[in-house]
C-alpha atoms as a PDB file:
ATOM      1  CA  UNK A   1      58.339 -16.141   0.293  1.00  0.00           C
ATOM      2  CA  UNK A   2      59.364 -15.942  -3.356  1.00  0.00           C
ATOM      3  CA  UNK A   3      57.114 -14.165  -5.936  1.00  0.00           C
ATOM      4  CA  UNK A   4      55.969 -17.410  -7.553  1.00  0.00           C
ATOM      5  CA  UNK A   5      54.777 -18.826  -4.255  1.00  0.00           C
ATOM      6  CA  UNK A   6      52.923 -15.583  -3.508  1.00  0.00           C
ATOM      7  CA  UNK A   7      51.107 -15.745  -6.864  1.00  0.00           C
ATOM      8  CA  UNK A   8      50.068 -19.346  -6.216  1.00  0.00           C
ATOM      9  CA  UNK A   9      48.812 -18.472  -2.723  1.00  0.00           C
ATOM     10  CA  UNK A  10      46.743 -15.541  -4.017  1.00  0.00           C
ATOM     11  CA  UNK A  11      45.289 -17.666  -6.816  1.00  0.00           C
ATOM     12  CA  UNK A  12      44.309 -20.400  -4.351  1.00  0.00           C
ATOM     13  CA  UNK A  13      42.634 -17.818  -2.094  1.00  0.00           C
ATOM     14  CA  UNK A  14      40.607 -16.390  -4.972  1.00  0.00           C
ATOM     15  CA  UNK A  15      39.501 -19.888  -6.048  1.00  0.00           C
ATOM     16  CA  UNK A  16      38.544 -20.732  -2.446  1.00  0.00           C
ATOM     17  CA  UNK A  17      36.429 -17.599  -2.109  1.00  0.00           C
ATOM     18  CA  UNK A  18      34.720 -18.311  -5.393  1.00  0.00           C
ATOM     19  CA  UNK A  19      33.899 -21.863  -4.356  1.00  0.00           C
ATOM     20  CA  UNK A  20      32.697 -20.683  -0.963  1.00  0.00           C
ATOM     21  CA  UNK A  21      30.477 -18.119  -2.684  1.00  0.00           C
ATOM     22  CA  UNK A  22      29.000 -20.766  -4.972  1.00  0.00           C
ATOM     23  CA  UNK A  23      28.396 -23.084  -2.051  1.00  0.00           C
ATOM     24  CA  UNK A  24      26.600 -20.324  -0.135  1.00  0.00           C
ATOM     25  CA  UNK A  25      24.321 -19.587  -3.077  1.00  0.00           C
ATOM     26  CA  UNK A  26      23.323 -23.249  -3.296  1.00  0.00           C
ATOM     27  CA  UNK A  27      22.637 -23.676   0.410  1.00  0.00           C
ATOM     28  CA  UNK A  28      20.718 -20.468   1.120  1.00  0.00           C
ATOM     29  CA  UNK A  29      16.934 -20.641   0.437  1.00  0.00           C
ATOM     30  CA  UNK A  30      15.395 -17.887  -1.636  1.00  0.00           C
ATOM     31  CA  UNK A  31      14.440 -14.715   0.219  1.00  0.00           C
ATOM     32  CA  UNK A  32      10.770 -14.423   1.143  1.00  0.00           C
ATOM     33  CA  UNK A  33      10.160 -12.059  -1.710  1.00  0.00           C
ATOM     34  CA  UNK A  34      11.780 -14.432  -4.181  1.00  0.00           C
ATOM     35  CA  UNK A  35       9.932 -17.543  -3.057  1.00  0.00           C
ATOM     36  CA  UNK A  36       7.359 -19.095  -5.366  1.00  0.00           C
ATOM     37  CA  UNK A  37       3.895 -17.711  -4.739  1.00  0.00           C
ATOM     38  CA  UNK A  38       1.439 -20.575  -4.553  1.00  0.00           C
ATOM     39  CA  UNK A  39      -2.067 -20.117  -5.915  1.00  0.00           C
ATOM     40  CA  UNK A  40      -4.587 -22.082  -3.814  1.00  0.00           C
ATOM     41  CA  UNK A  41      -8.237 -22.504  -4.773  1.00  0.00           C
ATOM     42  CA  UNK A  42     -10.700 -22.276  -1.898  1.00  0.00           C
ATOM     43  CA  UNK A  43     -14.092 -23.645  -2.908  1.00  0.00           C
ATOM     44  CA  UNK A  44     -17.043 -23.284  -0.495  1.00  0.00           C
ATOM     45  CA  UNK A  45     -20.418 -25.007  -0.651  1.00  0.00           C
ATOM     46  CA  UNK A  46     -22.018 -21.678  -1.441  1.00  0.00           C
ATOM     47  CA  UNK A  47     -21.262 -17.966  -1.315  1.00  0.00           C
ATOM     48  CA  UNK A  48     -24.346 -16.324   0.213  1.00  0.00           C
ATOM     49  CA  UNK A  49     -24.565 -17.508   3.821  1.00  0.00           C
ATOM     50  CA  UNK A  50     -22.682 -15.694   6.604  1.00  0.00           C
ATOM     51  CA  UNK A  51     -20.847 -18.942   7.404  1.00  0.00           C
ATOM     52  CA  UNK A  52     -19.032 -18.920   4.045  1.00  0.00           C
ATOM     53  CA  UNK A  53     -18.117 -15.255   4.402  1.00  0.00           C
ATOM     54  CA  UNK A  54     -16.365 -16.207   7.650  1.00  0.00           C
ATOM     55  CA  UNK A  55     -14.562 -19.069   5.895  1.00  0.00           C
ATOM     56  CA  UNK A  56     -13.459 -16.574   3.226  1.00  0.00           C
ATOM     57  CA  UNK A  57     -12.180 -14.134   5.864  1.00  0.00           C
ATOM     58  CA  UNK A  58     -10.080 -16.821   7.526  1.00  0.00           C
ATOM     59  CA  UNK A  59      -8.681 -18.008   4.203  1.00  0.00           C
ATOM     60  CA  UNK A  60      -7.681 -14.436   3.240  1.00  0.00           C
ATOM     61  CA  UNK A  61      -5.986 -13.870   6.578  1.00  0.00           C
ATOM     62  CA  UNK A  62      -3.934 -17.043   6.153  1.00  0.00           C
ATOM     63  CA  UNK A  63      -3.036 -16.133   2.565  1.00  0.00           C
ATOM     64  CA  UNK A  64      -1.695 -12.757   3.635  1.00  0.00           C
ATOM     65  CA  UNK A  65       0.348 -14.241   6.445  1.00  0.00           C
ATOM     66  CA  UNK A  66       1.751 -17.028   4.272  1.00  0.00           C
ATOM     67  CA  UNK A  67       2.435 -14.916   1.202  1.00  0.00           C
ATOM     68  CA  UNK A  68       0.222 -16.944  -1.103  1.00  0.00           C
ATOM     69  CA  UNK A  69      -2.676 -16.160  -3.414  1.00  0.00           C
ATOM     70  CA  UNK A  70      -6.144 -17.669  -3.051  1.00  0.00           C
ATOM     71  CA  UNK A  71      -8.759 -18.137  -5.708  1.00  0.00           C
ATOM     72  CA  UNK A  72     -12.175 -17.948  -3.987  1.00  0.00           C
ATOM     73  CA  UNK A  73     -14.946 -19.466  -6.083  1.00  0.00           C
ATOM     74  CA  UNK A  74     -18.008 -21.553  -5.365  1.00  0.00           C
ATOM     75  CA  UNK A  75     -21.646 -22.146  -6.385  1.00  0.00           C
ATOM     76  CA  UNK A  76     -24.172 -19.542  -5.393  1.00  0.00           C
ATOM     77  CA  UNK A  77     -26.623 -22.128  -4.034  1.00  0.00           C
ATOM     78  CA  UNK A  78     -25.714 -24.991  -1.767  1.00  0.00           C
ATOM     79  CA  UNK A  79     -27.609 -27.585  -3.785  1.00  0.00           C
ATOM     80  CA  UNK A  80     -25.861 -26.903  -7.100  1.00  0.00           C
ATOM     81  CA  UNK A  81     -23.670 -29.996  -7.298  1.00  0.00           C
ATOM     82  CA  UNK A  82     -23.027 -29.563 -11.019  1.00  0.00           C
ATOM     83  CA  UNK A  83     -21.709 -26.036 -10.569  1.00  0.00           C
ATOM     84  CA  UNK A  84     -19.369 -27.008  -7.756  1.00  0.00           C
ATOM     85  CA  UNK A  85     -18.020 -29.890  -9.833  1.00  0.00           C
ATOM     86  CA  UNK A  86     -17.448 -27.436 -12.693  1.00  0.00           C
ATOM     87  CA  UNK A  87     -15.532 -25.097 -10.358  1.00  0.00           C
ATOM     88  CA  UNK A  88     -13.254 -27.934  -9.236  1.00  0.00           C
ATOM     89  CA  UNK A  89     -12.638 -29.006 -12.833  1.00  0.00           C
ATOM     90  CA  UNK A  90     -11.887 -25.381 -13.783  1.00  0.00           C
ATOM     91  CA  UNK A  91      -9.257 -24.860 -11.083  1.00  0.00           C
ATOM     92  CA  UNK A  92      -7.648 -28.198 -11.974  1.00  0.00           C
ATOM     93  CA  UNK A  93      -7.303 -26.984 -15.589  1.00  0.00           C
ATOM     94  CA  UNK A  94      -5.774 -23.730 -14.322  1.00  0.00           C
ATOM     95  CA  UNK A  95      -3.065 -25.734 -12.599  1.00  0.00           C
ATOM     96  CA  UNK A  96      -3.477 -24.352  -9.077  1.00  0.00           C
ATOM     97  CA  UNK A  97      -0.993 -25.522  -6.467  1.00  0.00           C
ATOM     98  CA  UNK A  98      -3.668 -26.911  -4.150  1.00  0.00           C
ATOM     99  CA  UNK A  99      -7.419 -27.033  -3.481  1.00  0.00           C
ATOM    100  CA  UNK A 100      -9.256 -26.393  -0.210  1.00  0.00           C
ATOM    101  CA  UNK A 101     -12.788 -27.723  -0.726  1.00  0.00           C
ATOM    102  CA  UNK A 102     -16.029 -27.822   1.273  1.00  0.00           C
ATOM    103  CA  UNK A 103     -17.948 -30.472  -0.693  1.00  0.00           C
ATOM    104  CA  UNK A 104     -21.695 -29.938  -0.799  1.00  0.00           C
ATOM    105  CA  UNK A 105     -22.269 -33.621  -1.577  1.00  0.00           C
ATOM    106  CA  UNK A 106     -20.228 -36.412  -0.029  1.00  0.00           C
ATOM    107  CA  UNK A 107     -20.527 -38.605  -3.148  1.00  0.00           C
ATOM    108  CA  UNK A 108     -20.792 -36.259  -6.108  1.00  0.00           C
ATOM    109  CA  UNK A 109     -17.494 -34.537  -5.355  1.00  0.00           C
ATOM    110  CA  UNK A 110     -15.494 -37.753  -4.958  1.00  0.00           C
ATOM    111  CA  UNK A 111     -14.527 -38.080  -8.613  1.00  0.00           C
ATOM    112  CA  UNK A 112     -13.415 -34.419  -9.091  1.00  0.00           C
ATOM    113  CA  UNK A 113     -11.239 -34.729  -5.961  1.00  0.00           C
ATOM    114  CA  UNK A 114      -9.736 -37.936  -7.298  1.00  0.00           C
ATOM    115  CA  UNK A 115      -9.026 -36.153 -10.577  1.00  0.00           C
ATOM    116  CA  UNK A 116      -7.206 -33.373  -8.766  1.00  0.00           C
ATOM    117  CA  UNK A 117      -5.086 -35.765  -6.753  1.00  0.00           C
ATOM    118  CA  UNK A 118      -4.288 -37.701  -9.953  1.00  0.00           C
ATOM    119  CA  UNK A 119      -3.009 -34.421 -11.451  1.00  0.00           C
ATOM    120  CA  UNK A 120      -0.731 -34.024  -8.403  1.00  0.00           C
ATOM    121  CA  UNK A 121      -2.891 -31.191  -7.012  1.00  0.00           C
ATOM    122  CA  UNK A 122      -3.344 -31.873  -3.293  1.00  0.00           C
ATOM    123  CA  UNK A 123      -6.794 -31.410  -1.761  1.00  0.00           C
ATOM    124  CA  UNK A 124      -7.706 -30.468   1.806  1.00  0.00           C
ATOM    125  CA  UNK A 125     -11.379 -31.000   2.741  1.00  0.00           C
ATOM    126  CA  UNK A 126     -13.015 -28.502   5.107  1.00  0.00           C
ATOM    127  CA  UNK A 127     -16.403 -28.372   6.859  1.00  0.00           C
ATOM    128  CA  UNK A 128     -18.041 -31.493   5.399  1.00  0.00           C
ATOM    129  CA  UNK A 129     -16.435 -34.898   4.766  1.00  0.00           C
ATOM    130  CA  UNK A 130     -16.249 -36.991   1.610  1.00  0.00           C
ATOM    131  CA  UNK A 131     -16.859 -40.693   1.188  1.00  0.00           C
ATOM    132  CA  UNK A 132     -13.445 -42.256   0.683  1.00  0.00           C
ATOM    133  CA  UNK A 133     -10.162 -40.691   1.735  1.00  0.00           C
ATOM    134  CA  UNK A 134      -8.764 -39.245  -1.502  1.00  0.00           C
ATOM    135  CA  UNK A 135      -7.425 -36.105   0.202  1.00  0.00           C
ATOM    136  CA  UNK A 136      -4.558 -35.155   2.452  1.00  0.00           C
ATOM    137  CA  UNK A 137      -6.355 -33.643   5.469  1.00  0.00           C
ATOM    138  CA  UNK A 138      -9.822 -32.922   6.887  1.00  0.00           C
ATOM    139  CA  UNK A 139     -10.313 -29.619   8.756  1.00  0.00           C
ATOM    140  CA  UNK A 140     -13.730 -29.370  10.379  1.00  0.00           C
ATOM    141  CA  UNK A 141     -16.040 -29.149  13.351  1.00  0.00           C
ATOM    142  CA  UNK A 142     -16.912 -32.285  15.276  1.00  0.00           C
ATOM    143  CA  UNK A 143     -20.385 -32.156  13.783  1.00  0.00           C
ATOM    144  CA  UNK A 144     -21.713 -35.160  15.686  1.00  0.00           C
ATOM    145  CA  UNK A 145     -20.760 -33.455  18.950  1.00  0.00           C
ATOM    146  CA  UNK A 146     -22.583 -30.336  17.734  1.00  0.00           C
ATOM    147  CA  UNK A 147     -25.763 -32.404  17.471  1.00  0.00           C
ATOM    148  CA  UNK A 148     -25.154 -33.800  20.948  1.00  0.00           C
ATOM    149  CA  UNK A 149     -24.844 -30.266  22.346  1.00  0.00           C
ATOM    150  CA  UNK A 150     -28.133 -29.292  20.689  1.00  0.00           C
ATOM    151  CA  UNK A 151     -29.964 -32.323  22.108  1.00  0.00           C
ATOM    152  CA  UNK A 152     -28.660 -31.657  25.623  1.00  0.00           C
ATOM    153  CA  UNK A 153     -29.726 -28.038  25.383  1.00  0.00           C
ATOM    154  CA  UNK A 154     -33.203 -29.098  24.270  1.00  0.00           C
ATOM    155  CA  UNK A 155     -33.354 -31.581  27.153  1.00  0.00           C
ATOM    156  CA  UNK A 156     -32.451 -28.789  29.577  1.00  0.00           C
ATOM    157  CA  UNK A 157     -35.037 -26.400  28.110  1.00  0.00           C
ATOM    158  CA  UNK A 158     -37.920 -28.890  28.214  1.00  0.00           C
ATOM    159  CA  UNK A 159     -36.790 -30.997  31.204  1.00  0.00           C
ATOM    160  CA  UNK A 160     -36.584 -34.001  28.898  1.00  0.00           C
ATOM    161  CA  UNK A 161     -40.335 -34.043  28.123  1.00  0.00           C
ATOM    162  CA  UNK A 162     -42.288 -32.805  25.115  1.00  0.00           C
ATOM    163  CA  UNK A 163     -43.166 -32.900  21.433  1.00  0.00           C
ATOM    164  CA  UNK A 164     -40.274 -31.879  19.191  1.00  0.00           C
ATOM    165  CA  UNK A 165     -39.141 -31.554  15.555  1.00  0.00           C
ATOM    166  CA  UNK A 166     -35.818 -32.500  14.047  1.00  0.00           C
ATOM    167  CA  UNK A 167     -35.762 -30.562  10.761  1.00  0.00           C
ATOM    168  CA  UNK A 168     -33.008 -31.874   8.513  1.00  0.00           C
ATOM    169  CA  UNK A 169     -31.026 -29.879   5.956  1.00  0.00           C
ATOM    170  CA  UNK A 170     -30.498 -31.806   2.694  1.00  0.00           C
ATOM    171  CA  UNK A 171     -29.418 -35.252   1.620  1.00  0.00           C
ATOM    172  CA  UNK A 172     -25.750 -35.728   0.732  1.00  0.00           C
ATOM    173  CA  UNK A 173     -24.462 -33.036   3.115  1.00  0.00           C
ATOM    174  CA  UNK A 174     -22.122 -34.994   5.417  1.00  0.00           C
ATOM    175  CA  UNK A 175     -21.678 -32.227   7.988  1.00  0.00           C
ATOM    176  CA  UNK A 176     -25.381 -31.694   8.681  1.00  0.00           C
ATOM    177  CA  UNK A 177     -26.082 -35.424   8.514  1.00  0.00           C
ATOM    178  CA  UNK A 178     -23.653 -35.889  11.396  1.00  0.00           C
ATOM    179  CA  UNK A 179     -25.322 -33.078  13.377  1.00  0.00           C
ATOM    180  CA  UNK A 180     -28.713 -34.653  12.831  1.00  0.00           C
ATOM    181  CA  UNK A 181     -27.373 -38.060  13.835  1.00  0.00           C
ATOM    182  CA  UNK A 182     -25.816 -36.656  17.006  1.00  0.00           C
ATOM    183  CA  UNK A 183     -29.061 -34.937  17.952  1.00  0.00           C
ATOM    184  CA  UNK A 184     -31.285 -37.926  17.206  1.00  0.00           C
ATOM    185  CA  UNK A 185     -29.138 -40.539  18.925  1.00  0.00           C
ATOM    186  CA  UNK A 186     -28.716 -38.382  22.032  1.00  0.00           C
ATOM    187  CA  UNK A 187     -32.448 -37.733  22.251  1.00  0.00           C
ATOM    188  CA  UNK A 188     -33.180 -41.434  21.921  1.00  0.00           C
ATOM    189  CA  UNK A 189     -30.573 -42.482  24.508  1.00  0.00           C
ATOM    190  CA  UNK A 190     -30.882 -39.714  27.105  1.00  0.00           C
ATOM    191  CA  UNK A 191     -34.384 -38.238  26.759  1.00  0.00           C
ATOM    192  CA  UNK A 192     -36.976 -40.963  26.287  1.00  0.00           C
ATOM    193  CA  UNK A 193     -39.645 -38.455  27.346  1.00  0.00           C
ATOM    194  CA  UNK A 194     -39.298 -36.606  24.045  1.00  0.00           C
ATOM    195  CA  UNK A 195     -41.760 -37.449  21.265  1.00  0.00           C
ATOM    196  CA  UNK A 196     -40.301 -36.820  17.808  1.00  0.00           C
ATOM    197  CA  UNK A 197     -43.200 -35.538  15.727  1.00  0.00           C
ATOM    198  CA  UNK A 198     -40.889 -34.947  12.732  1.00  0.00           C
ATOM    199  CA  UNK A 199     -37.466 -36.475  12.010  1.00  0.00           C
ATOM    200  CA  UNK A 200     -37.212 -37.165   8.280  1.00  0.00           C
ATOM    201  CA  UNK A 201     -38.186 -33.864   6.633  1.00  0.00           C
ATOM    202  CA  UNK A 202     -35.579 -31.878   4.664  1.00  0.00           C
ATOM    203  CA  UNK A 203     -35.539 -28.072   4.637  1.00  0.00           C
ATOM    204  CA  UNK A 204     -33.484 -27.757   1.439  1.00  0.00           C
ATOM    205  CA  UNK A 205     -30.651 -25.393   0.672  1.00  0.00           C
ATOM    206  CA  UNK A 206     -32.384 -21.995   0.967  1.00  0.00           C
ATOM    207  CA  UNK A 207     -34.040 -19.943   3.655  1.00  0.00           C
ATOM    208  CA  UNK A 208     -37.226 -19.866   1.580  1.00  0.00           C
ATOM    209  CA  UNK A 209     -37.497 -23.639   1.240  1.00  0.00           C
ATOM    210  CA  UNK A 210     -36.870 -23.996   4.993  1.00  0.00           C
ATOM    211  CA  UNK A 211     -39.525 -21.398   5.745  1.00  0.00           C
ATOM    212  CA  UNK A 212     -42.121 -23.205   3.595  1.00  0.00           C
ATOM    213  CA  UNK A 213     -41.388 -26.558   5.249  1.00  0.00           C
ATOM    214  CA  UNK A 214     -41.517 -25.120   8.772  1.00  0.00           C
ATOM    215  CA  UNK A 215     -44.737 -23.260   8.045  1.00  0.00           C
ATOM    216  CA  UNK A 216     -46.351 -26.490   6.820  1.00  0.00           C
ATOM    217  CA  UNK A 217     -45.091 -28.512   9.783  1.00  0.00           C
ATOM    218  CA  UNK A 218     -46.275 -25.933  12.319  1.00  0.00           C
ATOM    219  CA  UNK A 219     -49.679 -25.946  10.612  1.00  0.00           C
ATOM    220  CA  UNK A 220     -49.854 -29.739  10.969  1.00  0.00           C
ATOM    221  CA  UNK A 221     -48.447 -29.853  14.512  1.00  0.00           C
ATOM    222  CA  UNK A 222     -49.356 -26.582  16.262  1.00  0.00           C
ATOM    223  CA  UNK A 223     -48.668 -28.207  19.640  1.00  0.00           C
ATOM    224  CA  UNK A 224     -44.937 -28.601  18.935  1.00  0.00           C
ATOM    225  CA  UNK A 225     -42.807 -27.606  21.938  1.00  0.00           C
ATOM    226  CA  UNK A 226     -39.258 -27.786  20.618  1.00  0.00           C
ATOM    227  CA  UNK A 227     -37.394 -27.558  17.275  1.00  0.00           C
ATOM    228  CA  UNK A 228     -33.808 -28.232  16.231  1.00  0.00           C
ATOM    229  CA  UNK A 229     -32.362 -27.069  12.888  1.00  0.00           C
ATOM    230  CA  UNK A 230     -28.818 -28.075  11.783  1.00  0.00           C
ATOM    231  CA  UNK A 231     -27.539 -25.088   9.746  1.00  0.00           C
ATOM    232  CA  UNK A 232     -27.908 -21.354   9.165  1.00  0.00           C
ATOM    233  CA  UNK A 233     -30.525 -21.362   6.394  1.00  0.00           C
ATOM    234  CA  UNK A 234     -32.811 -23.978   8.011  1.00  0.00           C
ATOM    235  CA  UNK A 235     -32.558 -22.087  11.321  1.00  0.00           C
ATOM    236  CA  UNK A 236     -33.466 -18.727   9.816  1.00  0.00           C
ATOM    237  CA  UNK A 237     -36.283 -20.089   7.663  1.00  0.00           C
ATOM    238  CA  UNK A 238     -37.812 -21.807  10.683  1.00  0.00           C
ATOM    239  CA  UNK A 239     -37.362 -18.659  12.779  1.00  0.00           C
ATOM    240  CA  UNK A 240     -39.400 -16.711  10.228  1.00  0.00           C
ATOM    241  CA  UNK A 241     -42.168 -19.324  10.310  1.00  0.00           C
ATOM    242  CA  UNK A 242     -42.289 -19.244  14.121  1.00  0.00           C
ATOM    243  CA  UNK A 243     -42.358 -15.439  14.179  1.00  0.00           C
ATOM    244  CA  UNK A 244     -45.192 -15.242  11.640  1.00  0.00           C
ATOM    245  CA  UNK A 245     -47.238 -17.855  13.518  1.00  0.00           C
ATOM    246  CA  UNK A 246     -46.768 -15.934  16.807  1.00  0.00           C
ATOM    247  CA  UNK A 247     -44.897 -18.912  18.336  1.00  0.00           C
ATOM    248  CA  UNK A 248     -41.425 -17.380  18.471  1.00  0.00           C
ATOM    249  CA  UNK A 249     -40.170 -17.599  22.068  1.00  0.00           C
ATOM    250  CA  UNK A 250     -42.938 -20.015  23.046  1.00  0.00           C
ATOM    251  CA  UNK A 251     -41.497 -22.981  21.166  1.00  0.00           C
ATOM    252  CA  UNK A 252     -38.049 -23.892  22.453  1.00  0.00           C
ATOM    253  CA  UNK A 253     -35.771 -23.462  19.460  1.00  0.00           C
ATOM    254  CA  UNK A 254     -32.148 -24.531  19.017  1.00  0.00           C
ATOM    255  CA  UNK A 255     -30.310 -23.736  15.787  1.00  0.00           C
ATOM    256  CA  UNK A 256     -26.870 -23.997  14.248  1.00  0.00           C
ATOM    257  CA  UNK A 257     -24.425 -21.315  13.034  1.00  0.00           C
ATOM    258  CA  UNK A 258     -24.665 -17.552  13.233  1.00  0.00           C
ATOM    259  CA  UNK A 259     -25.811 -14.487  11.333  1.00  0.00           C
ATOM    260  CA  UNK A 260     -26.807 -10.984  12.491  1.00  0.00           C
ATOM    261  CA  UNK A 261     -30.529 -11.894  12.408  1.00  0.00           C
ATOM    262  CA  UNK A 262     -29.947 -15.106  14.360  1.00  0.00           C
ATOM    263  CA  UNK A 263     -27.888 -13.238  16.950  1.00  0.00           C
ATOM    264  CA  UNK A 264     -30.717 -10.769  17.392  1.00  0.00           C
ATOM    265  CA  UNK A 265     -33.222 -13.624  17.727  1.00  0.00           C
ATOM    266  CA  UNK A 266     -31.051 -15.150  20.456  1.00  0.00           C
ATOM    267  CA  UNK A 267     -30.999 -11.829  22.309  1.00  0.00           C
ATOM    268  CA  UNK A 268     -34.781 -11.431  21.880  1.00  0.00           C
ATOM    269  CA  UNK A 269     -35.488 -14.911  23.276  1.00  0.00           C
ATOM    270  CA  UNK A 270     -36.819 -16.255  19.966  1.00  0.00           C
ATOM    271  CA  UNK A 271     -33.886 -18.670  19.828  1.00  0.00           C
ATOM    272  CA  UNK A 272     -32.855 -20.560  22.941  1.00  0.00           C
ATOM    273  CA  UNK A 273     -29.518 -21.853  21.749  1.00  0.00           C
ATOM    274  CA  UNK A 274     -27.162 -21.662  18.796  1.00  0.00           C
ATOM    275  CA  UNK A 275     -24.531 -24.326  18.246  1.00  0.00           C
ATOM    276  CA  UNK A 276     -21.493 -22.539  16.847  1.00  0.00           C
ATOM    277  CA  UNK A 277     -18.527 -23.543  14.763  1.00  0.00           C
ATOM    278  CA  UNK A 278     -15.428 -21.457  14.165  1.00  0.00           C
ATOM    279  CA  UNK A 279     -15.550 -20.889  10.401  1.00  0.00           C
ATOM    280  CA  UNK A 280     -12.840 -18.196  10.424  1.00  0.00           C
ATOM    281  CA  UNK A 281     -10.493 -20.698  12.003  1.00  0.00           C
ATOM    282  CA  UNK A 282     -11.611 -23.374   9.545  1.00  0.00           C
ATOM    283  CA  UNK A 283     -10.804 -21.221   6.520  1.00  0.00           C
ATOM    284  CA  UNK A 284      -7.539 -20.082   8.112  1.00  0.00           C
ATOM    285  CA  UNK A 285      -6.314 -23.569   8.919  1.00  0.00           C
ATOM    286  CA  UNK A 286      -7.445 -24.969   5.566  1.00  0.00           C
ATOM    287  CA  UNK A 287      -5.098 -22.561   3.786  1.00  0.00           C
ATOM    288  CA  UNK A 288      -2.316 -22.717   6.374  1.00  0.00           C
ATOM    289  CA  UNK A 289      -2.231 -26.515   6.351  1.00  0.00           C
ATOM    290  CA  UNK A 290      -2.142 -26.520   2.543  1.00  0.00           C
ATOM    291  CA  UNK A 291       0.819 -24.134   2.469  1.00  0.00           C
ATOM    292  CA  UNK A 292       2.701 -26.253   4.975  1.00  0.00           C
ATOM    293  CA  UNK A 293       2.064 -29.355   2.860  1.00  0.00           C
ATOM    294  CA  UNK A 294       3.224 -27.600  -0.323  1.00  0.00           C
ATOM    295  CA  UNK A 295       6.412 -26.582   1.485  1.00  0.00           C
ATOM    296  CA  UNK A 296       7.121 -30.191   2.367  1.00  0.00           C
ATOM    297  CA  UNK A 297       5.980 -30.184   5.971  1.00  0.00           C
ATOM    298  CA  UNK A 298       3.929 -32.982   7.528  1.00  0.00           C
ATOM    299  CA  UNK A 299       0.357 -32.021   8.386  1.00  0.00           C
ATOM    300  CA  UNK A 300      -2.255 -33.867  10.490  1.00  0.00           C
ATOM    301  CA  UNK A 301      -4.910 -35.946   8.738  1.00  0.00           C
ATOM    302  CA  UNK A 302      -7.663 -34.512  10.980  1.00  0.00           C
ATOM    303  CA  UNK A 303      -7.990 -31.071  12.529  1.00  0.00           C
ATOM    304  CA  UNK A 304     -10.898 -30.355  14.913  1.00  0.00           C
ATOM    305  CA  UNK A 305     -11.796 -26.643  14.885  1.00  0.00           C
ATOM    306  CA  UNK A 306     -14.124 -26.798  17.915  1.00  0.00           C
ATOM    307  CA  UNK A 307     -17.842 -26.578  18.646  1.00  0.00           C
ATOM    308  CA  UNK A 308     -19.632 -24.305  21.140  1.00  0.00           C
ATOM    309  CA  UNK A 309     -23.105 -23.481  22.487  1.00  0.00           C
ATOM    310  CA  UNK A 310     -24.342 -19.898  22.616  1.00  0.00           C
ATOM    311  CA  UNK A 311     -27.252 -18.923  24.842  1.00  0.00           C
ATOM    312  CA  UNK A 312     -28.774 -15.600  25.841  1.00  0.00           C
ATOM    313  CA  UNK A 313     -26.873 -15.930  29.138  1.00  0.00           C
ATOM    314  CA  UNK A 314     -23.365 -16.354  27.633  1.00  0.00           C
ATOM    315  CA  UNK A 315     -23.665 -14.562  24.290  1.00  0.00           C
ATOM    316  CA  UNK A 316     -21.812 -11.453  25.504  1.00  0.00           C
ATOM    317  CA  UNK A 317     -18.776 -13.294  26.860  1.00  0.00           C
ATOM    318  CA  UNK A 318     -15.600 -12.628  24.871  1.00  0.00           C
ATOM    319  CA  UNK A 319     -15.282 -16.167  23.487  1.00  0.00           C
ATOM    320  CA  UNK A 320     -18.891 -16.550  22.332  1.00  0.00           C
ATOM    321  CA  UNK A 321     -19.226 -12.969  21.085  1.00  0.00           C
ATOM    322  CA  UNK A 322     -16.226 -13.474  18.778  1.00  0.00           C
ATOM    323  CA  UNK A 323     -17.921 -16.523  17.268  1.00  0.00           C
ATOM    324  CA  UNK A 324     -21.353 -14.915  16.970  1.00  0.00           C
ATOM    325  CA  UNK A 325     -20.046 -11.733  15.315  1.00  0.00           C
ATOM    326  CA  UNK A 326     -16.665 -12.487  13.723  1.00  0.00           C
ATOM    327  CA  UNK A 327     -14.569  -9.663  12.286  1.00  0.00           C
ATOM    328  CA  UNK A 328     -15.057  -9.784   8.517  1.00  0.00           C
ATOM    329  CA  UNK A 329     -13.457  -6.422   7.737  1.00  0.00           C
ATOM    330  CA  UNK A 330     -10.734  -8.164   5.725  1.00  0.00           C
ATOM    331  CA  UNK A 331     -13.376  -8.814   3.043  1.00  0.00           C
ATOM    332  CA  UNK A 332     -14.009  -5.055   2.509  1.00  0.00           C
END
């Protein structure tokens, strides 16, 4: 091969390698450390109840696994609609990549969610649904089925006969409304021997307001034989009222959600059933599904995170124990 031909061949080889190198750089995705770090806002209904601490733990676990950052912020009290709306508006103005929201009111939060979606900020709803479907996915408990489980447990405890209370939580809360509906409809269909002494009274968003309502109701109806409460604060407030009136353990009592004091009450026989969600899983999947969506993957429109019944008899099994006392060490 003559020298000119050799020069041409070498030049073509160099050009080919350069083109191949450029092509490789275009086709190869950025290394994990170089990938864009998404900031995702996770907004609970409140920040004081044990349930929301579990949501937070699950969200943090998912963020660490997915290599994203979460902004955890919510109202202190679960009836502060204005503050939760302000939080949503604030994270929209910050330009977060996505919002995972547990709306404390199924109407009041509709407009802020619409605003986020209009700004191309996707929203995943967790725990409690919104009116309308201006979001990309709903990750939650089957709350109606939770109410059904509570009614069946009450039917078992009282053999389908007796005077009972349904103590509601607060108006506008879609999750607890579904629990109350599941309980009430099951009682009416399957246990005609129950007499509902109370079915339209609201405990409010705090333990103290629940305690005051339960104390008044017990004073009016001291012959009550069974009570159902649809969330952590209403359950604990009613527990206090029963304990102070010396009726704890005598009145069959089914609550919802978990906290250390409710777990102890279950063990002591002051509670006869706790309907449990999986809030750690809910927070985890809320963030995980959002990351998948932001990375262009298809996600389901509805994710059911499960519902369970804890009793004194099964509370030490591995599955129920993990739900009653979730590991929250990630928050330390």
